Amino acid sequence: METNTEMKLKDFESALKSLEEIVSQLEGGDLALDRALELFEEGVKISRFCNAKLEEAERKVEMLTRGGDGRLTETPFTAEDAGEA
């Protein structure tokens, strides 16, 4: 059976949304200490997951931007690259 955190770690976007919800609850300040600690712990796990996903994406981008000689080729990212012409 999946834990609550595991269910939220399906993809980066859903994990980030869950993390935002946790931060909002913690900022509200009207939680019992035990519940606040549970949410904080869950937030740390989600944060680590998001960080790992970002690092993975960075490695993929780096691999895609290496030149034939193996060196990184710096290419500016523009709105056209994102399909936002």
Protein backbone atom coordinates (compact mmCIF):
# COMPACT_ATOMS: atom_id res chain seq x y z
CA MET A 1 0.00 0.00 0.00
CA GLU A 2 1.34 3.46 -0.95
CA THR A 3 1.93 6.06 1.71
CA ASN A 4 0.52 9.55 1.37
CA THR A 5 3.92 10.89 0.29
CA GLU A 6 4.45 8.13 -2.28
CA MET A 7 1.10 8.94 -3.87
CA LYS A 8 2.18 12.60 -4.22
CA LEU A 9 5.49 11.69 -5.85
CA LYS A 10 4.15 10.54 -9.21
CA ASP A 11 5.58 13.49 -11.15
CA PHE A 12 7.25 16.82 -10.56
CA GLU A 13 4.15 18.95 -11.08
CA SER A 14 1.91 17.03 -8.68
CA ALA A 15 4.71 16.87 -6.10
CA LEU A 16 5.25 20.62 -6.35
CA LYS A 17 1.53 21.24 -5.92
CA SER A 18 1.52 19.03 -2.81
CA LEU A 19 4.52 20.88 -1.43
CA GLU A 20 2.76 24.22 -1.97
CA GLU A 21 -0.28 22.91 -0.09
CA ILE A 22 1.90 21.78 2.81
CA VAL A 23 3.64 25.15 2.99
CA SER A 24 0.26 26.88 3.00
CA GLN A 25 -0.97 24.71 5.88
CA LEU A 26 2.20 25.28 7.86
CA GLU A 27 2.04 29.02 7.29
CA GLY A 28 -1.52 29.03 8.57
CA GLY A 29 -0.13 28.34 12.02
CA ASP A 30 -3.20 26.66 13.48
CA LEU A 31 -1.88 23.08 13.49
CA ALA A 32 -1.04 20.93 16.45
CA LEU A 33 2.70 20.47 16.89
CA ASP A 34 2.56 16.76 16.00
CA ARG A 35 0.64 17.47 12.77
CA ALA A 36 2.99 20.33 11.87
CA LEU A 37 5.98 18.02 12.31
CA GLU A 38 4.31 15.34 10.15
CA LEU A 39 3.65 17.86 7.41
CA PHE A 40 7.18 19.25 7.66
CA GLU A 41 8.65 15.74 7.31
CA GLU A 42 6.42 15.03 4.32
CA GLY A 43 7.44 18.37 2.81
CA VAL A 44 11.12 17.52 3.16
CA LYS A 45 10.58 14.21 1.34
CA ILE A 46 8.67 15.92 -1.44
CA SER A 47 11.31 18.66 -1.67
CA ARG A 48 14.04 16.03 -2.09
CA PHE A 49 12.00 14.31 -4.81
CA CYS A 50 11.54 17.62 -6.67
CA ASN A 51 15.23 18.44 -6.36
CA ALA A 52 16.19 15.03 -7.77
CA LYS A 53 13.81 15.54 -10.71
CA LEU A 54 15.30 18.97 -11.43
CA GLU A 55 18.83 17.56 -11.30
CA GLU A 56 17.78 14.77 -13.66
CA ALA A 57 16.32 17.31 -16.09
CA GLU A 58 19.50 19.39 -15.88
CA ARG A 59 21.62 16.33 -16.75
CA LYS A 60 19.38 15.58 -19.76
CA VAL A 61 19.64 19.16 -21.01
CA GLU A 62 23.40 19.05 -20.54
CA MET A 63 23.65 15.83 -22.54
CA LEU A 64 21.55 17.34 -25.32
CA THR A 65 23.70 20.47 -25.52
CA ARG A 66 27.09 18.77 -25.72
CA GLY A 67 28.90 19.30 -28.99
CA GLY A 68 30.48 16.57 -31.09
CA ASP A 69 33.73 17.05 -29.21
CA GLY A 70 32.02 16.40 -25.86
CA ARG A 71 32.22 20.00 -24.67
CA LEU A 72 29.14 21.89 -23.63
CA THR A 73 27.88 24.32 -26.21
CA GLU A 74 26.14 27.32 -24.71
CA THR A 75 22.97 28.07 -26.65
CA PRO A 76 20.63 30.86 -25.54
CA PHE A 77 17.08 29.73 -24.88
CA THR A 78 14.49 31.89 -26.60
CA ALA A 79 10.69 32.06 -26.68
CA GLU A 80 10.81 30.45 -30.14
CA ASP A 81 12.58 27.44 -28.62
CA ALA A 82 9.63 27.00 -26.26
CA GLY A 83 7.13 27.27 -29.10
CA GLU A 84 5.97 30.69 -27.92
CA ALA A 85 6.56 32.65 -31.11
